[in-house]
Amino acid sequence: MILRSGAAVVCVVLLGTLVPGPAAGGEAPPGAARAAAGPFRMVSVSDRGRPADDHVFGGAVSRDGRLVAFTSGAENLDRRTRGGYPQVFVRDARTGRVRAVGADRRGRLARSAEGVDLSPNGRFVAFSSPDDLVGQDVDGVGDEHADVFVRDLRTGRVRRASTAAGGGMADGASTNPVVADNGDVVFTSAATDLVAGDANAVHDYFLFDWGTRRVRRLATAEIARASVRISGDGAVVAVVTTEVLAGRDSGTLPDLYVLRRRGASGGTWSMPLAQPTGLPTDTGCGWTGLSVSHSGRYLTAGCADGGVASPPVADKPVHLWWVDRRSGMVRLVNRTDDIASEVNAAQVSDDGRRVFFAGQERAWSRTASPARAAQPYEGVFLWERGSVRQLTRGYDAWWDSSGFDAAGDGRTVAFTSLSPAMAGRDADDDVHQALYVRRVGARSR
């Protein structure tokens, strides 16, 4: 998910598509002002500002931070939702309008939809659903496996990305979509019939080309099942895999690979994170921290091998590396002496100057008391020009790792939290997990 570029005119067109009719007026409901207090703003709310009445998972944000997408079983966000089944929503932060968007081309909602991603320009959404949204299921009653769908919010057109090579239903579930501005989407699938000859019996990464409707297998996802990204312009794909795709890799450990696409099925693979000798990492790369800028020039990835740096640094469970593919420069983002410096999610800005990431607070907080520093609370942080600052306060960010994203313009970070303090509630109150955003000032020059 995962954010790159956009065009304002697309967002203007989109507004009428998302929620027609006048904006809701009247007095703000009780609790709305409290939920919006402080540097964080709850965005998983109804048109009238009421928090979602069920937990929120995942999160994606457009390049300018105006549109946000998320998954929830809430029934107070769109009157068409029912039964507490998960549904995917898009909210316009400027107008406050929100609408369920997991639907077919006629706007009829899927019974359930989840795992949403939003293209940086806000035009396309991608999500998983077991329902038949394209009228191609052979039995007419839907598929027991989840499929990945891409919906054009401007035209209403819906395409199934995970269609079997012979047409119709795939024989395994497909999840974790990431969609580009042109509708191309990458995803993970257990299906064995999306392309001919897929006989490895493990999860794989795939690419669906919106224009040609062709599916391409990228690499095995046996170890890191959610580590696949596509740049906002659709030209670059990044994966973490044990499959040998380029260079002198042995295939023993997962490594970061980048595909510079050429047409629907061509392109060249490279391995941008390696030791100075050109050999792959000694300890491999993990599934956390992978992100790609809009053009694909800048990347982040979590790899334990300190030998990637020059001069080398000690190995750690997760080093978060920033890479400029054009210059070949590699920099360490989460530089700290604390061994508990794991990074659970990250996103680089389009110009490469900022990286938002999430990890354990105790490794970064300069004011934490010894008692609090011993607790595994998660925090959200900003790396800029070689320095790191914490954006969340103690106890604020209790979130799920899929509920994290940052806008391509480097000004907005979004994350999910269960913290009562974030919701403006007392510590003993029960709260639903919600999606929050924080706007960050202009970048330093």
Protein backbone atom coordinates (compact mmCIF):
# COMPACT_ATOMS: atom_id res chain seq x y z
CA MET A 1 0.00 0.00 0.00
CA ILE A 2 1.60 2.62 -0.49
CA LEU A 3 1.96 5.87 -1.66
CA ARG A 4 3.31 7.65 -4.48
CA SER A 5 1.70 10.27 -6.67
CA GLY A 6 -1.63 11.75 -7.52
CA ALA A 7 -3.50 14.30 -9.58
CA ALA A 8 -5.88 16.75 -7.98
CA VAL A 9 -8.30 16.62 -10.89
CA VAL A 10 -8.85 12.90 -10.29
CA CYS A 11 -9.79 13.56 -6.69
CA VAL A 12 -12.27 16.22 -7.76
CA VAL A 13 -13.96 13.82 -10.13
CA LEU A 14 -13.94 11.13 -7.47
CA LEU A 15 -15.92 13.14 -4.93
CA GLY A 16 -19.16 12.82 -6.81
CA THR A 17 -18.56 9.13 -7.23
CA LEU A 18 -17.91 8.37 -3.61
CA VAL A 19 -20.89 9.96 -1.91
CA PRO A 20 -23.42 12.03 -3.88
CA GLY A 21 -25.59 14.64 -2.25
CA PRO A 22 -24.92 17.49 0.16
CA ALA A 23 -22.44 17.23 2.98
CA ALA A 24 -23.92 16.38 6.35
CA GLY A 25 -24.53 19.45 8.45
CA GLY A 26 -25.66 20.21 11.95
CA GLU A 27 -23.91 20.19 15.28
CA ALA A 28 -20.98 17.85 15.81
CA PRO A 29 -21.97 14.73 17.78
CA PRO A 30 -20.79 14.16 21.33
CA GLY A 31 -17.23 12.83 21.40
CA ALA A 32 -16.31 14.07 17.92
CA ALA A 33 -14.32 17.03 19.19
CA ARG A 34 -12.49 14.94 21.78
CA ALA A 35 -11.54 12.33 19.19
CA ALA A 36 -10.04 15.03 16.98
CA ALA A 37 -8.10 16.77 19.75
CA GLY A 38 -4.31 16.98 19.78
CA PRO A 39 -1.94 16.33 16.86
CA PHE A 40 -3.86 13.22 15.78
CA ARG A 41 -7.17 13.10 13.93
CA MET A 42 -9.43 10.04 13.90
CA VAL A 43 -10.49 9.44 10.30
CA SER A 44 -12.43 6.17 10.63
CA VAL A 45 -15.59 8.14 11.36
CA SER A 46 -19.02 8.62 9.80
CA ASP A 47 -20.13 11.63 7.76
CA ARG A 48 -21.20 13.25 11.04
CA GLY A 49 -17.92 12.52 12.79
CA ARG A 50 -19.04 9.54 14.86
CA PRO A 51 -16.33 6.89 15.37
CA ALA A 52 -16.81 3.57 13.59
CA ASP A 53 -18.85 1.23 15.78
CA ASP A 54 -16.50 -1.70 15.16
CA HIS A 55 -12.75 -2.24 14.96
CA VAL A 56 -10.83 -0.81 12.02
CA PHE A 57 -7.99 -2.69 10.31
CA GLY A 58 -5.53 -1.73 7.65
CA GLY A 59 -5.13 1.72 6.20
CA ALA A 60 -4.09 3.45 3.01
CA VAL A 61 -3.81 7.13 2.13
CA SER A 62 -3.62 9.05 -1.14
CA ARG A 63 -0.54 10.98 -2.13
CA ASP A 64 -1.84 14.31 -0.80
CA GLY A 65 -3.38 12.78 2.34
CA ARG A 66 -6.90 13.75 1.31
CA LEU A 67 -8.37 10.27 0.83
CA VAL A 68 -8.02 7.38 3.27
CA ALA A 69 -9.13 3.77 2.91
CA PHE A 70 -9.63 1.14 5.59
CA THR A 71 -11.46 -2.09 6.50
CA SER A 72 -14.13 -2.38 9.20
CA GLY A 73 -17.22 -4.31 10.19
CA ALA A 74 -18.83 -1.05 11.31
CA GLU A 75 -22.47 -0.49 10.39
CA ASN A 76 -22.65 3.26 11.01
CA LEU A 77 -20.39 4.41 8.15
CA ASP A 78 -22.57 3.50 5.17
CA ARG A 79 -26.25 2.57 5.48
CA ARG A 80 -25.82 -0.19 2.88
CA THR A 81 -23.53 -2.25 5.15
CA ARG A 82 -25.14 -4.93 7.29
CA GLY A 83 -24.55 -7.93 9.48
CA GLY A 84 -21.18 -6.87 10.84
CA TYR A 85 -19.28 -8.34 7.87
CA PRO A 86 -16.03 -6.56 7.01
CA GLN A 87 -16.25 -3.95 4.28
CA VAL A 88 -13.76 -1.54 2.73
CA PHE A 89 -14.34 2.20 2.95
CA VAL A 90 -12.90 5.37 1.43
CA ARG A 91 -13.22 8.70 3.23
CA ASP A 92 -12.58 12.18 1.88
CA ALA A 93 -10.88 14.13 4.66
CA ARG A 94 -11.74 17.47 3.05
CA THR A 95 -15.51 16.94 2.88
CA GLY A 96 -15.88 14.31 5.61
CA ARG A 97 -17.80 12.02 3.26
CA VAL A 98 -17.30 8.25 3.56
CA ARG A 99 -18.56 5.35 1.48
CA ALA A 100 -18.21 1.58 1.27
CA VAL A 101 -16.45 0.78 -2.00
CA GLY A 102 -16.11 -3.04 -2.05
CA ALA A 103 -18.69 -3.40 -4.81
CA ASP A 104 -19.36 -4.60 -8.35
CA ARG A 105 -19.62 -2.27 -11.37
CA ARG A 106 -23.25 -1.44 -10.51
CA GLY A 107 -22.30 -0.41 -6.99
CA ARG A 108 -23.79 -3.47 -5.29
CA LEU A 109 -21.71 -4.22 -2.22
CA ALA A 110 -19.94 -7.51 -1.64
CA ARG A 111 -21.18 -9.29 1.45
CA SER A 112 -17.63 -9.03 2.77
CA ALA A 113 -14.46 -7.30 1.59
CA GLU A 114 -11.17 -6.54 3.30
CA GLY A 115 -7.46 -5.89 2.86
CA VAL A 116 -7.98 -2.62 0.98
CA ASP A 117 -5.35 -0.54 -0.78
CA LEU A 118 -5.78 2.83 -2.47
CA SER A 119 -3.81 4.08 -5.46
CA PRO A 120 -1.86 7.27 -4.76
CA ASN A 121 -4.06 9.31 -7.09
CA GLY A 122 -7.18 8.00 -5.35
CA ARG A 123 -8.69 6.56 -8.52
CA PHE A 124 -8.36 2.81 -7.87
CA VAL A 125 -9.06 0.60 -4.87
CA ALA A 126 -7.92 -3.00 -4.57
CA PHE A 127 -9.31 -5.47 -2.04
CA SER A 128 -9.98 -9.13 -1.34
CA SER A 129 -13.43 -10.72 -1.29
CA PRO A 130 -14.88 -14.24 -1.62
CA ASP A 131 -17.94 -12.85 -3.44
CA ASP A 132 -18.65 -12.86 -7.18
CA LEU A 133 -18.28 -9.24 -8.30
CA VAL A 134 -17.58 -9.81 -11.99
CA GLY A 135 -20.17 -12.45 -12.96
CA GLN A 136 -17.61 -15.04 -14.02
CA ASP A 137 -17.95 -17.72 -11.33
CA VAL A 138 -18.89 -21.00 -12.99
CA ASP A 139 -21.42 -21.98 -10.35
CA GLY A 140 -22.94 -18.51 -10.05
CA VAL A 141 -22.87 -18.50 -6.27
CA GLY A 142 -19.41 -17.23 -5.54
CA ASP A 143 -16.02 -18.62 -4.70
CA GLU A 144 -15.02 -20.19 -1.41
CA HIS A 145 -11.59 -18.56 -1.85
CA ALA A 146 -10.89 -14.86 -1.55
CA ASP A 147 -10.07 -13.14 -4.83
CA VAL A 148 -8.33 -9.82 -5.42
CA PHE A 149 -10.45 -7.20 -7.18
CA VAL A 150 -9.53 -3.79 -8.56
CA ARG A 151 -12.22 -1.12 -8.84
CA ASP A 152 -11.99 2.12 -10.79
CA LEU A 153 -13.79 4.63 -8.57
CA ARG A 154 -14.18 7.08 -11.43
CA THR A 155 -15.92 4.73 -13.88
CA GLY A 156 -17.15 1.99 -11.54
CA ARG A 157 -15.42 -0.70 -13.60
CA VAL A 158 -14.33 -3.77 -11.61
CA ARG A 159 -11.83 -6.42 -12.65
CA ARG A 160 -10.77 -9.59 -10.89
CA ALA A 161 -6.99 -9.70 -10.70
CA SER A 162 -6.80 -13.31 -9.51
CA THR A 163 -8.53 -14.99 -12.44
CA ALA A 164 -7.34 -18.46 -13.40
CA ALA A 165 -5.29 -18.79 -16.56
CA GLY A 166 -8.19 -20.51 -18.30
CA GLY A 167 -10.73 -18.00 -17.02
CA GLY A 168 -13.02 -18.29 -14.02
CA MET A 169 -12.22 -19.02 -10.41
CA ALA A 170 -8.75 -19.64 -9.07
CA ASP A 171 -8.11 -22.67 -6.88
CA GLY A 172 -6.64 -20.75 -3.92
CA ALA A 173 -7.01 -17.56 -1.94
CA SER A 174 -5.46 -14.26 -3.04
CA THR A 175 -4.72 -11.42 -0.60
CA ASN A 176 -2.52 -8.40 0.24
CA PRO A 177 -3.10 -6.27 -2.89
CA VAL A 178 -1.11 -3.10 -3.61
CA VAL A 179 -2.41 -0.96 -6.49
CA ALA A 180 -0.73 1.65 -8.70
CA ASP A 181 -2.14 4.79 -10.32
CA ASN A 182 -2.81 2.91 -13.58
CA GLY A 183 -4.76 0.08 -11.92
CA ASP A 184 -1.94 -2.48 -12.07
CA VAL A 185 -1.86 -4.50 -8.85
CA VAL A 186 0.53 -6.89 -7.11
CA PHE A 187 -0.72 -9.48 -4.64
CA THR A 188 -0.01 -12.76 -2.86
CA SER A 189 -1.82 -15.97 -3.75
CA ALA A 190 -1.97 -19.63 -2.82
CA ALA A 191 -3.58 -20.45 -6.17
CA THR A 192 -1.75 -22.80 -8.52
CA ASP A 193 -3.70 -21.99 -11.70
CA LEU A 194 -3.20 -18.24 -12.20
CA VAL A 195 -0.41 -18.99 -14.67
CA ALA A 196 0.61 -22.14 -16.48
CA GLY A 197 3.30 -24.28 -14.87
CA ASP A 198 2.98 -23.06 -11.27
CA ALA A 199 3.79 -26.31 -9.51
CA ASN A 200 5.82 -25.21 -6.48
CA ALA A 201 2.91 -25.75 -4.04
CA VAL A 202 3.64 -22.55 -2.07
CA HIS A 203 2.35 -18.99 -2.01
CA ASP A 204 3.61 -16.77 -4.80
CA TYR A 205 3.63 -13.08 -5.72
CA PHE A 206 1.71 -12.05 -8.82
CA LEU A 207 1.21 -8.96 -10.94
CA PHE A 208 -2.06 -8.10 -12.71
CA ASP A 209 -1.84 -5.63 -15.60
CA TRP A 210 -5.04 -3.55 -15.74
CA GLY A 211 -4.62 -2.65 -19.41
CA THR A 212 -3.91 -6.11 -20.83
CA ARG A 213 -5.71 -8.10 -18.06
CA ARG A 214 -2.73 -10.46 -17.97
CA VAL A 215 -1.46 -12.11 -14.79
CA ARG A 216 2.26 -12.60 -14.29
CA ARG A 217 3.96 -14.68 -11.62
CA LEU A 218 6.75 -12.71 -9.95
CA ALA A 219 8.41 -14.91 -7.32
CA THR A 220 7.82 -17.30 -4.47
CA ALA A 221 6.31 -15.93 -1.27
CA GLU A 222 7.05 -18.98 0.83
CA ILE A 223 8.65 -17.05 3.71
CA ALA A 224 7.56 -13.41 3.41
CA ARG A 225 3.95 -13.54 2.24
CA ALA A 226 3.16 -9.83 2.39
CA SER A 227 6.42 -8.43 1.03
CA VAL A 228 5.49 -7.20 -2.42
CA ARG A 229 5.08 -3.56 -3.53
CA ILE A 230 4.51 -1.67 -6.76
CA SER A 231 5.52 1.92 -7.41
CA GLY A 232 2.80 4.52 -7.91
CA ASP A 233 3.59 4.85 -11.59
CA GLY A 234 3.43 1.05 -11.99
CA ALA A 235 6.92 0.81 -13.47
CA VAL A 236 8.76 -0.85 -10.57
CA VAL A 237 7.96 -3.88 -8.41
CA ALA A 238 9.83 -4.86 -5.23
CA VAL A 239 9.66 -8.27 -3.53
CA VAL A 240 11.41 -10.11 -0.71
CA THR A 241 11.88 -13.73 -1.72
CA THR A 242 14.15 -16.76 -1.48
CA GLU A 243 13.87 -17.30 -5.22
CA VAL A 244 17.02 -16.45 -7.18
CA LEU A 245 16.10 -13.69 -9.62
CA ALA A 246 19.40 -11.89 -10.23
CA GLY A 247 23.03 -11.52 -9.17
CA ARG A 248 25.01 -14.05 -7.19
CA ASP A 249 22.26 -15.06 -4.81
CA SER A 250 22.27 -18.62 -3.47
CA GLY A 251 18.55 -18.67 -2.68
CA THR A 252 19.18 -19.85 0.87
CA LEU A 253 17.86 -16.68 2.53
CA PRO A 254 15.21 -14.13 1.45
CA ASP A 255 16.61 -11.06 -0.30
CA LEU A 256 15.23 -7.85 -1.75
CA TYR A 257 14.72 -7.83 -5.52
CA VAL A 258 13.48 -5.05 -7.77
CA LEU A 259 11.86 -5.48 -11.19
CA ARG A 260 12.06 -2.62 -13.67
CA ARG A 261 9.10 -3.49 -15.87
CA ARG A 262 9.06 -3.48 -19.64
CA GLY A 263 5.60 -4.09 -21.01
CA ALA A 264 3.17 -6.53 -19.45
CA SER A 265 5.61 -9.44 -19.18
CA GLY A 266 9.16 -8.11 -19.65
CA GLY A 267 11.64 -6.32 -17.45
CA THR A 268 14.91 -6.67 -15.59
CA TRP A 269 15.50 -7.85 -12.02
CA SER A 270 18.18 -6.38 -9.76
CA MET A 271 19.28 -6.85 -6.15
CA PRO A 272 19.79 -3.35 -4.65
CA LEU A 273 20.75 -4.47 -1.14
CA ALA A 274 23.95 -6.48 -1.14
CA GLN A 275 27.37 -6.50 0.47
CA PRO A 276 30.08 -4.29 -1.07
CA THR A 277 31.50 -7.39 -2.77
CA GLY A 278 28.21 -7.88 -4.61
CA LEU A 279 27.32 -10.96 -2.61
CA PRO A 280 23.83 -11.20 -1.08
CA THR A 281 23.20 -10.41 2.57
CA ASP A 282 24.56 -12.87 5.13
CA THR A 283 21.39 -12.90 7.22
CA GLY A 284 18.65 -12.19 4.68
CA CYS A 285 15.78 -9.69 4.62
CA GLY A 286 12.46 -9.85 6.45
CA TRP A 287 8.89 -9.08 5.50
CA THR A 288 8.71 -5.78 7.42
CA GLY A 289 9.71 -2.32 6.30
CA LEU A 290 9.35 -2.76 2.53
CA SER A 291 8.24 0.40 0.69
CA VAL A 292 8.69 2.02 -2.72
CA SER A 293 8.46 5.65 -3.82
CA HIS A 294 6.22 6.75 -6.70
CA SER A 295 8.92 6.48 -9.36
CA GLY A 296 10.59 3.45 -7.78
CA ARG A 297 13.83 5.37 -7.28
CA TYR A 298 13.73 5.14 -3.48
CA LEU A 299 13.14 1.99 -1.42
CA THR A 300 13.14 0.89 2.19
CA ALA A 301 13.61 -2.69 3.37
CA GLY A 302 14.30 -4.49 6.61
CA CYS A 303 17.45 -6.62 6.50
CA ALA A 304 19.45 -7.81 9.50
CA ASP A 305 22.86 -7.76 7.81
CA GLY A 306 24.97 -4.81 8.98
CA GLY A 307 27.48 -5.59 6.27
CA VAL A 308 25.31 -3.76 3.78
CA ALA A 309 26.60 -0.48 5.24
CA SER A 310 29.96 1.06 4.45
CA PRO A 311 31.64 0.91 6.88
CA PRO A 312 29.78 -2.14 8.24
CA VAL A 313 27.71 -2.03 11.44
CA ALA A 314 26.73 -4.84 13.79
CA ASP A 315 23.93 -7.18 12.73
CA LYS A 316 20.50 -6.68 14.38
CA PRO A 317 17.12 -8.37 14.15
CA VAL A 318 15.93 -5.58 11.81
CA HIS A 319 18.00 -2.87 10.18
CA LEU A 320 15.78 -0.54 8.16
CA TRP A 321 17.70 0.45 5.03
CA TRP A 322 16.99 3.40 2.73
CA VAL A 323 18.14 2.92 -0.86
CA ASP A 324 18.56 5.36 -3.74
CA ARG A 325 18.55 3.11 -6.78
CA ARG A 326 19.84 5.84 -9.07
CA SER A 327 22.98 6.67 -7.11
CA GLY A 328 23.38 3.35 -5.33
CA MET A 329 23.49 5.11 -1.95
CA VAL A 330 22.37 3.06 1.08
CA ARG A 331 21.63 4.61 4.49
CA LEU A 332 20.57 3.13 7.84
CA VAL A 333 17.28 4.61 9.06
CA ASN A 334 16.78 3.06 12.51
CA ARG A 335 20.25 3.74 13.89
CA THR A 336 20.20 3.13 17.65
CA ASP A 337 22.21 1.20 20.22
CA ASP A 338 19.08 -0.54 21.53
CA ILE A 339 18.82 -4.12 20.29
CA ALA A 340 14.99 -3.83 20.35
CA SER A 341 14.95 -1.63 17.25
CA GLU A 342 12.68 -3.82 15.14
CA VAL A 343 10.66 -1.98 12.50
CA ASN A 344 7.20 -3.32 11.77
CA ALA A 345 6.21 -1.05 8.87
CA ALA A 346 7.70 1.80 6.87
CA GLN A 347 6.99 4.13 3.97
CA VAL A 348 9.40 6.36 2.08
CA SER A 349 8.21 9.68 0.62
CA ASP A 350 8.23 10.22 -3.14
CA ASP A 351 11.25 12.53 -3.01
CA GLY A 352 13.14 10.16 -0.69
CA ARG A 353 13.72 12.81 1.97
CA ARG A 354 11.46 11.28 4.61
CA VAL A 355 10.76 7.80 5.94
CA PHE A 356 7.89 7.16 8.33
CA PHE A 357 8.23 3.94 10.30
CA ALA A 358 6.76 2.11 13.28
CA GLY A 359 8.59 0.13 15.92
CA GLN A 360 9.15 -0.34 19.63
CA GLU A 361 9.04 2.92 21.53
CA ARG A 362 11.70 2.01 24.04
CA ALA A 363 14.44 2.05 21.38
CA TRP A 364 13.78 5.70 20.54
CA SER A 365 12.05 7.55 23.35
CA ARG A 366 14.50 9.88 25.11
CA THR A 367 12.07 10.70 27.90
CA ALA A 368 10.74 7.26 28.77
CA SER A 369 11.00 6.24 32.40
CA PRO A 370 12.79 2.93 33.11
CA ALA A 371 9.45 1.27 33.87
CA ARG A 372 7.83 2.44 30.66
CA ALA A 373 10.91 1.81 28.59
CA ALA A 374 10.73 -1.85 29.58
CA GLN A 375 7.26 -2.20 27.98
CA PRO A 376 6.89 -3.21 24.32
CA TYR A 377 4.73 -0.23 23.29
CA GLU A 378 4.76 0.64 19.63
CA GLY A 379 5.55 4.11 18.36
CA VAL A 380 5.45 5.98 15.06
CA PHE A 381 8.60 7.80 13.98
CA LEU A 382 9.92 10.09 11.26
CA TRP A 383 13.41 9.86 9.75
CA GLU A 384 14.58 12.95 7.95
CA ARG A 385 18.07 14.07 6.96
CA GLY A 386 19.64 11.36 9.10
CA SER A 387 17.78 12.09 12.34
CA VAL A 388 14.75 10.39 13.93
CA ARG A 389 11.93 11.94 15.95
CA GLN A 390 8.95 10.30 17.59
CA LEU A 391 5.49 11.37 16.39
CA THR A 392 3.44 9.47 18.96
CA ARG A 393 3.46 9.89 22.71
CA GLY A 394 3.88 7.05 25.21
CA TYR A 395 1.07 4.47 25.09
CA ASP A 396 -0.51 6.09 22.02
CA ALA A 397 0.15 3.66 19.22
CA TRP A 398 -1.25 0.19 19.84
CA TRP A 399 -1.85 -0.93 16.29
CA ASP A 400 -1.83 -3.75 13.78
CA SER A 401 1.10 -3.84 11.36
CA SER A 402 -1.15 -3.65 8.28
CA GLY A 403 -2.71 -0.46 9.63
CA PHE A 404 0.13 1.85 8.63
CA ASP A 405 0.77 4.07 5.65
CA ALA A 406 2.14 7.48 4.72
CA ALA A 407 1.33 9.88 1.93
CA GLY A 408 3.72 10.21 -0.96
CA ASP A 409 4.08 13.95 -0.38
CA GLY A 410 5.68 13.16 2.99
CA ARG A 411 3.17 15.22 4.98
CA THR A 412 0.68 12.66 6.38
CA VAL A 413 1.09 9.40 8.29
CA ALA A 414 -1.83 7.07 9.06
CA PHE A 415 -1.95 4.25 11.60
CA THR A 416 -4.43 2.25 13.66
CA SER A 417 -4.56 2.43 17.45
CA LEU A 418 -6.47 1.02 20.41
CA SER A 419 -5.31 3.72 22.78
CA PRO A 420 -8.12 5.36 24.81
CA ALA A 421 -5.98 8.49 25.02
CA MET A 422 -5.87 8.71 21.25
CA ALA A 423 -9.66 8.52 21.14
CA GLY A 424 -10.06 11.18 23.83
CA ARG A 425 -11.38 8.62 26.31
CA ASP A 426 -10.51 7.61 29.85
CA ALA A 427 -7.97 4.83 30.30
CA ASP A 428 -10.59 2.39 31.63
CA ASP A 429 -13.01 2.92 28.72
CA ASP A 430 -13.46 0.28 26.06
CA VAL A 431 -12.64 1.65 22.61
CA HIS A 432 -12.59 0.21 19.13
CA GLN A 433 -9.37 0.16 17.18
CA ALA A 434 -9.50 3.21 14.92
CA LEU A 435 -7.50 4.81 12.12
CA TYR A 436 -5.72 8.09 12.89
CA VAL A 437 -3.69 10.51 10.83
CA ARG A 438 -1.11 13.09 11.74
CA ARG A 439 -0.01 15.93 9.50
CA VAL A 440 3.66 16.82 9.69
CA GLY A 441 5.15 20.20 8.80
CA ALA A 442 7.09 21.08 5.71
CA ARG A 443 10.36 19.28 5.20
CA SER A 444 13.58 20.95 6.10
CA ARG A 445 15.86 21.92 3.22
